[in-house]
Amino acid sequence: MYKYAFTEQLAGLSETKKEKEHYVPYGKQWQDERFDEEQGYHFWLNETPVRTFPGCTLPNTVSKWEKGVLLDCAMLMEAGTNMLCRRVDGYYKPLDPKRLSVKIGMSERQTRAFINRMCELRIMAKEDGRIYINPCYFFRGRFLSFHLFSLFETDLRSILPEWVVQRYDGQF
């Protein structure tokens, strides 16, 4: 009788194993969780993709060339802060205009003029030698920090839900 119960347990494990073979691990998810027959493929590249938001378009005065440079800059943002940075010895360090000009392939003078123009349009902001991109246009990360909210408050107030703005107001 003991042998019979043991073989039943083994039979149950083999069925469970067969079911689990259907699920193939893919990072933190199973492959079957990444594809839904009705919705399609959950196109998720990594935990901190650069996101753009529908309805938040760049001003009409921004040229196509400037949009291209902004996209290059967006790829240099640190996750969670939207600060333009470079990775050195495992740490993120802010990009100054001189180093940014090398990364995006422009002269330092052109880069400074570009940054100043983007700051005038509130697409970028400078603070203590650091350059940030407005999360209304490009956002890298999952959560909007209070610091980033305070840098671009006037723009974010118009697109964030009222309860979120009230929460940020409580931190003043």
N, C-alpha and C. Protein backbone atom coordinates (compact mmCIF):
# COMPACT_ATOMS: atom_id res chain seq x y z
N MET A 1 0.82 -1.20 0.00
CA MET A 1 0.00 0.00 0.00
C MET A 1 0.86 1.25 0.00
N TYR A 2 1.96 1.21 0.73
CA TYR A 2 2.87 2.35 0.77
C TYR A 2 3.45 2.61 -0.61
N LYS A 3 3.82 1.51 -1.33
CA LYS A 3 4.36 1.66 -2.67
C LYS A 3 3.33 2.30 -3.60
N TYR A 4 2.10 1.90 -3.48
CA TYR A 4 1.05 2.41 -4.34
C TYR A 4 0.86 3.93 -4.13
N ALA A 5 0.84 4.37 -2.89
CA ALA A 5 0.69 5.80 -2.60
C ALA A 5 1.87 6.59 -3.14
N PHE A 6 3.06 6.00 -3.05
CA PHE A 6 4.25 6.67 -3.54
C PHE A 6 4.20 6.82 -5.06
N THR A 7 3.75 5.78 -5.77
CA THR A 7 3.66 5.88 -7.22
C THR A 7 2.59 6.88 -7.65
N GLU A 8 1.52 7.01 -6.87
CA GLU A 8 0.51 8.03 -7.16
C GLU A 8 1.10 9.43 -7.04
N GLN A 9 1.93 9.62 -6.03
CA GLN A 9 2.59 10.92 -5.86
C GLN A 9 3.50 11.20 -7.05
N LEU A 10 4.26 10.20 -7.49
CA LEU A 10 5.13 10.39 -8.64
C LEU A 10 4.32 10.71 -9.89
N ALA A 11 3.18 10.02 -10.06
CA ALA A 11 2.33 10.29 -11.22
C ALA A 11 1.82 11.73 -11.18
N GLY A 12 1.46 12.21 -9.99
CA GLY A 12 1.01 13.59 -9.84
C GLY A 12 2.10 14.58 -10.14
N LEU A 13 3.33 14.27 -9.74
CA LEU A 13 4.47 15.16 -10.02
C LEU A 13 4.76 15.22 -11.51
N SER A 14 4.64 14.09 -12.19
CA SER A 14 4.94 14.11 -13.63
C SER A 14 3.92 14.96 -14.38
N GLU A 15 2.63 14.91 -13.95
CA GLU A 15 1.63 15.76 -14.59
C GLU A 15 1.94 17.24 -14.33
N THR A 16 2.34 17.55 -13.10
CA THR A 16 2.71 18.93 -12.77
C THR A 16 3.92 19.36 -13.58
N LYS A 17 4.87 18.45 -13.74
CA LYS A 17 6.06 18.76 -14.52
C LYS A 17 5.69 19.04 -15.98
N LYS A 18 4.76 18.25 -16.52
CA LYS A 18 4.33 18.46 -17.89
C LYS A 18 3.67 19.83 -18.05
N GLU A 19 2.85 20.20 -17.04
CA GLU A 19 2.22 21.51 -17.08
C GLU A 19 3.27 22.61 -17.03
N LYS A 20 4.29 22.45 -16.19
CA LYS A 20 5.32 23.48 -16.05
C LYS A 20 6.22 23.57 -17.26
N GLU A 21 6.35 22.46 -18.02
CA GLU A 21 7.15 22.51 -19.23
C GLU A 21 6.53 23.46 -20.24
N HIS A 22 5.22 23.62 -20.15
CA HIS A 22 4.52 24.55 -21.03
C HIS A 22 4.96 25.99 -20.76
N TYR A 23 5.31 26.26 -19.50
CA TYR A 23 5.79 27.58 -19.12
C TYR A 23 7.31 27.58 -19.17
N VAL A 24 7.86 28.42 -20.02
CA VAL A 24 9.30 28.53 -20.13
C VAL A 24 9.72 29.85 -19.50
N PRO A 25 10.69 29.84 -18.57
CA PRO A 25 11.07 31.09 -17.93
C PRO A 25 11.65 32.09 -18.92
N TYR A 26 11.29 33.34 -18.76
CA TYR A 26 11.80 34.41 -19.59
C TYR A 26 12.04 35.60 -18.68
N GLY A 27 13.23 35.70 -18.11
CA GLY A 27 13.51 36.77 -17.17
C GLY A 27 12.69 36.58 -15.91
N LYS A 28 11.92 37.59 -15.55
CA LYS A 28 11.10 37.53 -14.34
C LYS A 28 9.71 36.97 -14.62
N GLN A 29 9.40 36.70 -15.89
CA GLN A 29 8.07 36.22 -16.25
C GLN A 29 8.18 34.90 -16.98
N TRP A 30 7.04 34.25 -17.18
CA TRP A 30 6.98 33.07 -18.03
C TRP A 30 6.62 33.55 -19.43
N GLN A 31 7.06 32.79 -20.43
CA GLN A 31 6.77 33.18 -21.81
C GLN A 31 5.28 33.30 -22.07
N ASP A 32 4.49 32.39 -21.49
CA ASP A 32 3.05 32.44 -21.71
C ASP A 32 2.43 33.70 -21.12
N GLU A 33 3.03 34.26 -20.08
CA GLU A 33 2.52 35.50 -19.50
C GLU A 33 2.87 36.70 -20.37
N ARG A 34 3.86 36.53 -21.24
CA ARG A 34 4.30 37.64 -22.09
C ARG A 34 3.50 37.74 -23.38
N PHE A 35 2.73 36.69 -23.68
CA PHE A 35 1.93 36.72 -24.91
C PHE A 35 0.51 36.32 -24.59
N ASP A 36 -0.41 37.17 -24.96
CA ASP A 36 -1.82 36.91 -24.75
C ASP A 36 -2.48 36.81 -26.12
N GLU A 37 -3.31 35.81 -26.31
CA GLU A 37 -3.94 35.60 -27.61
C GLU A 37 -4.77 36.79 -28.06
N GLU A 38 -5.40 37.50 -27.12
CA GLU A 38 -6.25 38.63 -27.48
C GLU A 38 -5.46 39.93 -27.58
N GLN A 39 -4.55 40.15 -26.63
CA GLN A 39 -3.84 41.43 -26.58
C GLN A 39 -2.53 41.42 -27.35
N GLY A 40 -1.91 40.26 -27.54
CA GLY A 40 -0.65 40.17 -28.25
C GLY A 40 0.54 40.11 -27.30
N TYR A 41 1.67 40.51 -27.80
CA TYR A 41 2.94 40.41 -27.08
C TYR A 41 3.14 41.57 -26.12
N HIS A 42 3.49 41.26 -24.89
CA HIS A 42 3.80 42.30 -23.90
C HIS A 42 5.22 42.77 -24.19
N PHE A 43 5.34 43.81 -24.96
CA PHE A 43 6.63 44.30 -25.46
C PHE A 43 7.33 45.08 -24.36
N TRP A 44 8.08 44.38 -23.55
CA TRP A 44 8.72 44.93 -22.37
C TRP A 44 10.20 44.65 -22.49
N LEU A 45 11.00 45.68 -22.73
CA LEU A 45 12.42 45.46 -23.00
C LEU A 45 13.24 45.31 -21.72
N ASN A 46 13.05 46.19 -20.79
CA ASN A 46 13.76 46.11 -19.52
C ASN A 46 12.97 46.91 -18.49
N GLU A 47 13.47 46.99 -17.29
CA GLU A 47 12.71 47.64 -16.24
C GLU A 47 12.67 49.16 -16.38
N THR A 48 13.57 49.75 -17.13
CA THR A 48 13.62 51.20 -17.21
C THR A 48 13.68 51.69 -18.66
N PRO A 49 12.62 51.45 -19.42
CA PRO A 49 12.64 51.96 -20.79
C PRO A 49 12.36 53.45 -20.83
N VAL A 50 12.78 54.09 -21.90
CA VAL A 50 12.43 55.49 -22.12
C VAL A 50 11.03 55.50 -22.66
N ARG A 51 10.17 56.28 -22.05
CA ARG A 51 8.77 56.31 -22.46
C ARG A 51 8.40 57.70 -22.98
N THR A 52 7.49 57.72 -23.90
CA THR A 52 6.86 58.96 -24.33
C THR A 52 5.38 58.79 -24.06
N PHE A 53 4.67 59.90 -23.94
CA PHE A 53 3.27 59.83 -23.58
C PHE A 53 2.41 60.43 -24.69
N PRO A 54 1.34 59.73 -25.08
CA PRO A 54 0.45 60.28 -26.10
C PRO A 54 -0.18 61.58 -25.60
N GLY A 55 -0.30 62.54 -26.47
CA GLY A 55 -0.90 63.81 -26.10
C GLY A 55 0.12 64.83 -25.62
N CYS A 56 1.30 64.41 -25.26
CA CYS A 56 2.36 65.34 -24.83
C CYS A 56 3.36 65.46 -25.97
N THR A 57 3.03 66.32 -26.90
CA THR A 57 3.90 66.48 -28.06
C THR A 57 4.81 67.68 -27.85
N LEU A 58 5.93 67.65 -28.52
CA LEU A 58 6.88 68.76 -28.44
C LEU A 58 6.26 70.00 -29.11
N PRO A 59 6.65 71.19 -28.66
CA PRO A 59 6.11 72.41 -29.29
C PRO A 59 6.40 72.45 -30.78
N ASN A 60 5.55 73.14 -31.52
CA ASN A 60 5.70 73.24 -32.98
C ASN A 60 6.98 73.97 -33.38
N THR A 61 7.53 74.77 -32.50
CA THR A 61 8.75 75.52 -32.82
C THR A 61 10.00 74.64 -32.79
N VAL A 62 9.90 73.42 -32.31
CA VAL A 62 11.05 72.51 -32.28
C VAL A 62 11.20 71.88 -33.66
N SER A 63 12.40 72.04 -34.23
CA SER A 63 12.64 71.51 -35.58
C SER A 63 12.84 70.00 -35.55
N LYS A 64 12.80 69.39 -36.72
CA LYS A 64 13.01 67.95 -36.82
C LYS A 64 14.43 67.59 -36.36
N TRP A 65 15.39 68.42 -36.67
CA TRP A 65 16.77 68.18 -36.24
C TRP A 65 16.85 68.21 -34.72
N GLU A 66 16.19 69.18 -34.09
CA GLU A 66 16.21 69.27 -32.63
C GLU A 66 15.51 68.06 -31.99
N LYS A 67 14.45 67.57 -32.63
CA LYS A 67 13.78 66.37 -32.13
C LYS A 67 14.72 65.17 -32.16
N GLY A 68 15.52 65.08 -33.19
CA GLY A 68 16.49 63.99 -33.29
C GLY A 68 17.55 64.08 -32.20
N VAL A 69 18.02 65.28 -31.93
CA VAL A 69 19.02 65.48 -30.88
C VAL A 69 18.40 65.17 -29.51
N LEU A 70 17.14 65.57 -29.33
CA LEU A 70 16.45 65.27 -28.07
C LEU A 70 16.32 63.76 -27.86
N LEU A 71 16.04 63.03 -28.92
CA LEU A 71 15.96 61.58 -28.80
C LEU A 71 17.30 60.99 -28.40
N ASP A 72 18.39 61.51 -29.00
CA ASP A 72 19.73 61.06 -28.59
C ASP A 72 19.97 61.36 -27.12
N CYS A 73 19.55 62.54 -26.68
CA CYS A 73 19.72 62.91 -25.27
C CYS A 73 18.87 62.02 -24.36
N ALA A 74 17.69 61.67 -24.81
CA ALA A 74 16.80 60.83 -23.99
C ALA A 74 17.42 59.47 -23.72
N MET A 75 18.23 58.99 -24.64
CA MET A 75 18.89 57.70 -24.44
C MET A 75 20.01 57.79 -23.41
N LEU A 76 20.38 58.99 -23.01
CA LEU A 76 21.46 59.19 -22.03
C LEU A 76 20.92 59.50 -20.63
N MET A 77 19.60 59.38 -20.42
CA MET A 77 19.01 59.72 -19.13
C MET A 77 19.23 58.62 -18.11
N GLU A 78 19.40 59.02 -16.87
CA GLU A 78 19.48 58.07 -15.77
C GLU A 78 18.07 57.67 -15.38
N ALA A 79 17.89 56.40 -15.08
CA ALA A 79 16.57 55.90 -14.69
C ALA A 79 16.11 56.53 -13.39
N GLY A 80 14.88 57.03 -13.40
CA GLY A 80 14.29 57.60 -12.20
C GLY A 80 14.53 59.07 -11.99
N THR A 81 15.57 59.62 -12.61
CA THR A 81 15.87 61.05 -12.39
C THR A 81 15.74 61.88 -13.65
N ASN A 82 15.80 61.26 -14.82
CA ASN A 82 15.81 61.97 -16.10
C ASN A 82 17.01 62.88 -16.27
N MET A 83 18.04 62.69 -15.47
CA MET A 83 19.26 63.49 -15.58
C MET A 83 20.12 62.90 -16.69
N LEU A 84 20.70 63.76 -17.53
CA LEU A 84 21.62 63.28 -18.55
C LEU A 84 22.91 62.88 -17.85
N CYS A 85 23.34 61.65 -18.08
CA CYS A 85 24.50 61.16 -17.33
C CYS A 85 25.31 60.18 -18.16
N ARG A 86 26.44 59.82 -17.61
CA ARG A 86 27.32 58.81 -18.19
C ARG A 86 27.69 57.84 -17.08
N ARG A 87 28.01 56.65 -17.45
CA ARG A 87 28.36 55.63 -16.46
C ARG A 87 29.88 55.52 -16.39
N VAL A 88 30.43 55.72 -15.19
CA VAL A 88 31.87 55.64 -14.97
C VAL A 88 32.12 54.76 -13.75
N ASP A 89 32.86 53.69 -13.95
CA ASP A 89 33.21 52.76 -12.87
C ASP A 89 31.99 52.31 -12.07
N GLY A 90 30.91 52.04 -12.75
CA GLY A 90 29.71 51.54 -12.07
C GLY A 90 28.84 52.62 -11.45
N TYR A 91 29.22 53.88 -11.59
CA TYR A 91 28.44 54.98 -11.03
C TYR A 91 27.97 55.90 -12.15
N TYR A 92 26.85 56.57 -11.89
CA TYR A 92 26.35 57.56 -12.85
C TYR A 92 26.88 58.92 -12.48
N LYS A 93 27.43 59.59 -13.48
CA LYS A 93 27.93 60.95 -13.28
C LYS A 93 27.24 61.87 -14.27
N PRO A 94 26.89 63.09 -13.84
CA PRO A 94 26.18 63.99 -14.75
C PRO A 94 27.02 64.38 -15.96
N LEU A 95 26.34 64.57 -17.07
CA LEU A 95 27.01 65.02 -18.29
C LEU A 95 27.00 66.54 -18.32
N ASP A 96 28.17 67.12 -18.47
CA ASP A 96 28.25 68.56 -18.69
C ASP A 96 28.17 68.80 -20.20
N PRO A 97 27.96 70.04 -20.64
CA PRO A 97 27.82 70.30 -22.08
C PRO A 97 29.01 69.82 -22.92
N LYS A 98 30.20 69.87 -22.34
CA LYS A 98 31.38 69.44 -23.10
C LYS A 98 31.32 67.94 -23.40
N ARG A 99 31.03 67.14 -22.39
CA ARG A 99 30.95 65.69 -22.58
C ARG A 99 29.69 65.31 -23.37
N LEU A 100 28.61 66.05 -23.18
CA LEU A 100 27.38 65.79 -23.93
C LEU A 100 27.62 66.03 -25.42
N SER A 101 28.39 67.07 -25.75
CA SER A 101 28.65 67.37 -27.15
C SER A 101 29.37 66.21 -27.84
N VAL A 102 30.25 65.55 -27.13
CA VAL A 102 30.94 64.39 -27.70
C VAL A 102 29.95 63.24 -27.92
N LYS A 103 29.06 63.01 -26.95
CA LYS A 103 28.10 61.91 -27.04
C LYS A 103 27.11 62.09 -28.19
N ILE A 104 26.67 63.33 -28.43
CA ILE A 104 25.66 63.54 -29.47
C ILE A 104 26.25 64.04 -30.79
N GLY A 105 27.58 64.21 -30.84
CA GLY A 105 28.24 64.54 -32.10
C GLY A 105 28.06 65.97 -32.56
N MET A 106 28.08 66.91 -31.65
CA MET A 106 27.98 68.33 -32.00
C MET A 106 29.14 69.07 -31.35
N SER A 107 29.35 70.30 -31.79
CA SER A 107 30.37 71.11 -31.14
C SER A 107 29.86 71.56 -29.77
N GLU A 108 30.78 71.95 -28.91
CA GLU A 108 30.38 72.38 -27.57
C GLU A 108 29.51 73.65 -27.64
N ARG A 109 29.85 74.53 -28.56
CA ARG A 109 29.07 75.77 -28.72
C ARG A 109 27.63 75.46 -29.16
N GLN A 110 27.49 74.55 -30.14
CA GLN A 110 26.16 74.15 -30.59
C GLN A 110 25.38 73.47 -29.47
N THR A 111 26.06 72.65 -28.69
CA THR A 111 25.40 71.93 -27.60
C THR A 111 24.89 72.90 -26.56
N ARG A 112 25.70 73.89 -26.19
CA ARG A 112 25.26 74.89 -25.21
C ARG A 112 24.06 75.68 -25.73
N ALA A 113 24.10 76.06 -27.01
CA ALA A 113 22.97 76.80 -27.61
C ALA A 113 21.71 75.92 -27.62
N PHE A 114 21.89 74.64 -27.94
CA PHE A 114 20.76 73.71 -27.97
C PHE A 114 20.15 73.57 -26.57
N ILE A 115 20.99 73.38 -25.56
CA ILE A 115 20.50 73.23 -24.19
C ILE A 115 19.77 74.49 -23.74
N ASN A 116 20.33 75.66 -24.04
CA ASN A 116 19.67 76.92 -23.65
C ASN A 116 18.32 77.06 -24.32
N ARG A 117 18.24 76.69 -25.59
CA ARG A 117 16.95 76.78 -26.31
C ARG A 117 15.94 75.81 -25.70
N MET A 118 16.36 74.60 -25.40
CA MET A 118 15.45 73.61 -24.81
C MET A 118 15.01 74.05 -23.41
N CYS A 119 15.88 74.72 -22.68
CA CYS A 119 15.50 75.23 -21.36
C CYS A 119 14.48 76.36 -21.48
N GLU A 120 14.61 77.20 -22.50
CA GLU A 120 13.64 78.27 -22.74
C GLU A 120 12.26 77.69 -23.04
N LEU A 121 12.24 76.56 -23.76
CA LEU A 121 10.97 75.91 -24.12
C LEU A 121 10.47 74.97 -23.03
N ARG A 122 11.18 74.86 -21.92
CA ARG A 122 10.86 74.00 -20.77
C ARG A 122 10.86 72.52 -21.14
N ILE A 123 11.69 72.16 -22.11
CA ILE A 123 11.87 70.76 -22.47
C ILE A 123 13.01 70.18 -21.63
N MET A 124 13.95 71.04 -21.28
CA MET A 124 15.06 70.67 -20.41
C MET A 124 15.15 71.69 -19.28
N ALA A 125 15.88 71.30 -18.24
CA ALA A 125 16.14 72.22 -17.12
C ALA A 125 17.57 71.99 -16.63
N LYS A 126 18.21 73.07 -16.21
CA LYS A 126 19.55 72.98 -15.64
C LYS A 126 19.45 73.30 -14.16
N GLU A 127 20.16 72.51 -13.36
CA GLU A 127 20.20 72.75 -11.92
C GLU A 127 21.54 72.25 -11.39
N ASP A 128 22.31 73.13 -10.79
CA ASP A 128 23.60 72.77 -10.21
C ASP A 128 24.51 72.04 -11.19
N GLY A 129 24.54 72.48 -12.43
CA GLY A 129 25.39 71.86 -13.43
C GLY A 129 24.86 70.57 -14.02
N ARG A 130 23.69 70.18 -13.61
CA ARG A 130 23.07 68.96 -14.14
C ARG A 130 21.97 69.34 -15.13
N ILE A 131 21.76 68.49 -16.11
CA ILE A 131 20.75 68.75 -17.14
C ILE A 131 19.69 67.66 -17.03
N TYR A 132 18.42 68.08 -16.98
CA TYR A 132 17.30 67.17 -16.86
C TYR A 132 16.36 67.35 -18.06
N ILE A 133 15.71 66.27 -18.46
CA ILE A 133 14.71 66.32 -19.52
C ILE A 133 13.32 66.24 -18.89
N ASN A 134 12.41 67.04 -19.41
CA ASN A 134 11.04 67.11 -18.91
C ASN A 134 10.36 65.75 -19.09
N PRO A 135 9.83 65.17 -18.01
CA PRO A 135 9.19 63.86 -18.12
C PRO A 135 7.89 63.86 -18.92
N CYS A 136 7.37 65.04 -19.24
CA CYS A 136 6.18 65.08 -20.10
C CYS A 136 6.52 64.57 -21.51
N TYR A 137 7.76 64.76 -21.92
CA TYR A 137 8.16 64.39 -23.27
C TYR A 137 8.90 63.05 -23.31
N PHE A 138 9.81 62.84 -22.39
CA PHE A 138 10.55 61.58 -22.28
C PHE A 138 10.66 61.25 -20.80
N PHE A 139 10.41 60.01 -20.47
CA PHE A 139 10.52 59.61 -19.06
C PHE A 139 11.21 58.26 -18.99
N ARG A 140 12.20 58.18 -18.13
CA ARG A 140 12.91 56.92 -17.94
C ARG A 140 12.77 56.52 -16.48
N GLY A 141 12.05 55.49 -16.26
CA GLY A 141 11.85 55.01 -14.91
C GLY A 141 10.41 54.59 -14.70
N ARG A 142 10.10 54.28 -13.47
CA ARG A 142 8.75 53.83 -13.15
C ARG A 142 8.01 54.82 -12.28
N PHE A 143 8.73 55.57 -11.46
CA PHE A 143 8.08 56.46 -10.51
C PHE A 143 8.62 57.88 -10.68
N LEU A 144 7.72 58.84 -10.64
CA LEU A 144 8.08 60.25 -10.77
C LEU A 144 8.50 60.78 -9.40
N SER A 145 9.75 61.20 -9.28
CA SER A 145 10.26 61.68 -8.00
C SER A 145 9.77 63.09 -7.71
N PHE A 146 9.81 63.46 -6.44
CA PHE A 146 9.42 64.80 -6.05
C PHE A 146 10.34 65.85 -6.67
N HIS A 147 11.63 65.53 -6.75
CA HIS A 147 12.60 66.47 -7.33
C HIS A 147 12.26 66.75 -8.79
N LEU A 148 11.96 65.71 -9.54
CA LEU A 148 11.61 65.88 -10.95
C LEU A 148 10.29 66.63 -11.10
N PHE A 149 9.35 66.34 -10.22
CA PHE A 149 8.08 67.06 -10.23
C PHE A 149 8.32 68.55 -9.97
N SER A 150 9.17 68.88 -9.01
CA SER A 150 9.41 70.29 -8.68
C SER A 150 10.14 71.03 -9.80
N LEU A 151 10.99 70.33 -10.55
CA LEU A 151 11.69 70.98 -11.67
C LEU A 151 10.74 71.36 -12.80
N PHE A 152 9.77 70.50 -13.08
CA PHE A 152 8.86 70.72 -14.21
C PHE A 152 7.41 70.82 -13.74
N GLU A 153 7.22 71.44 -12.61
CA GLU A 153 5.91 71.49 -11.97
C GLU A 153 4.82 72.10 -12.85
N THR A 154 5.11 73.21 -13.50
CA THR A 154 4.07 73.88 -14.29
C THR A 154 3.55 72.99 -15.43
N ASP A 155 4.42 72.23 -16.04
CA ASP A 155 4.00 71.36 -17.13
C ASP A 155 3.30 70.11 -16.60
N LEU A 156 3.81 69.55 -15.51
CA LEU A 156 3.26 68.31 -14.98
C LEU A 156 1.89 68.50 -14.34
N ARG A 157 1.64 69.66 -13.76
CA ARG A 157 0.34 69.92 -13.14
C ARG A 157 -0.81 69.76 -14.13
N SER A 158 -0.56 70.10 -15.38
CA SER A 158 -1.63 70.03 -16.37
C SER A 158 -1.92 68.60 -16.85
N ILE A 159 -0.98 67.67 -16.67
CA ILE A 159 -1.23 66.33 -17.20
C ILE A 159 -1.42 65.27 -16.11
N LEU A 160 -0.98 65.54 -14.89
CA LEU A 160 -1.13 64.56 -13.82
C LEU A 160 -2.53 64.62 -13.21
N PRO A 161 -3.03 63.50 -12.72
CA PRO A 161 -4.32 63.53 -12.03
C PRO A 161 -4.26 64.42 -10.80
N GLU A 162 -5.38 65.00 -10.43
CA GLU A 162 -5.44 65.95 -9.32
C GLU A 162 -4.95 65.34 -8.01
N TRP A 163 -5.29 64.08 -7.75
CA TRP A 163 -4.88 63.47 -6.48
C TRP A 163 -3.37 63.32 -6.39
N VAL A 164 -2.68 63.13 -7.54
CA VAL A 164 -1.22 63.03 -7.55
C VAL A 164 -0.61 64.39 -7.23
N VAL A 165 -1.15 65.43 -7.84
CA VAL A 165 -0.66 66.78 -7.57
C VAL A 165 -0.85 67.14 -6.11
N GLN A 166 -1.99 66.76 -5.54
CA GLN A 166 -2.23 67.04 -4.12
C GLN A 166 -1.24 66.32 -3.24
N ARG A 167 -0.87 65.10 -3.61
CA ARG A 167 0.13 64.37 -2.83
C ARG A 167 1.48 65.09 -2.89
N TYR A 168 1.86 65.55 -4.08
CA TYR A 168 3.12 66.28 -4.20
C TYR A 168 3.06 67.61 -3.46
N ASP A 169 1.90 68.26 -3.48
CA ASP A 169 1.74 69.52 -2.75
C ASP A 169 1.93 69.32 -1.25
N GLY A 170 1.59 68.18 -0.74
CA GLY A 170 1.76 67.89 0.67
C GLY A 170 3.22 67.79 1.08
N GLN A 171 4.12 67.66 0.09
CA GLN A 171 5.55 67.54 0.40
C GLN A 171 6.25 68.89 0.41
N PHE A 172 5.55 69.95 0.07
CA PHE A 172 6.19 71.27 0.06
C PHE A 172 6.54 71.70 1.46
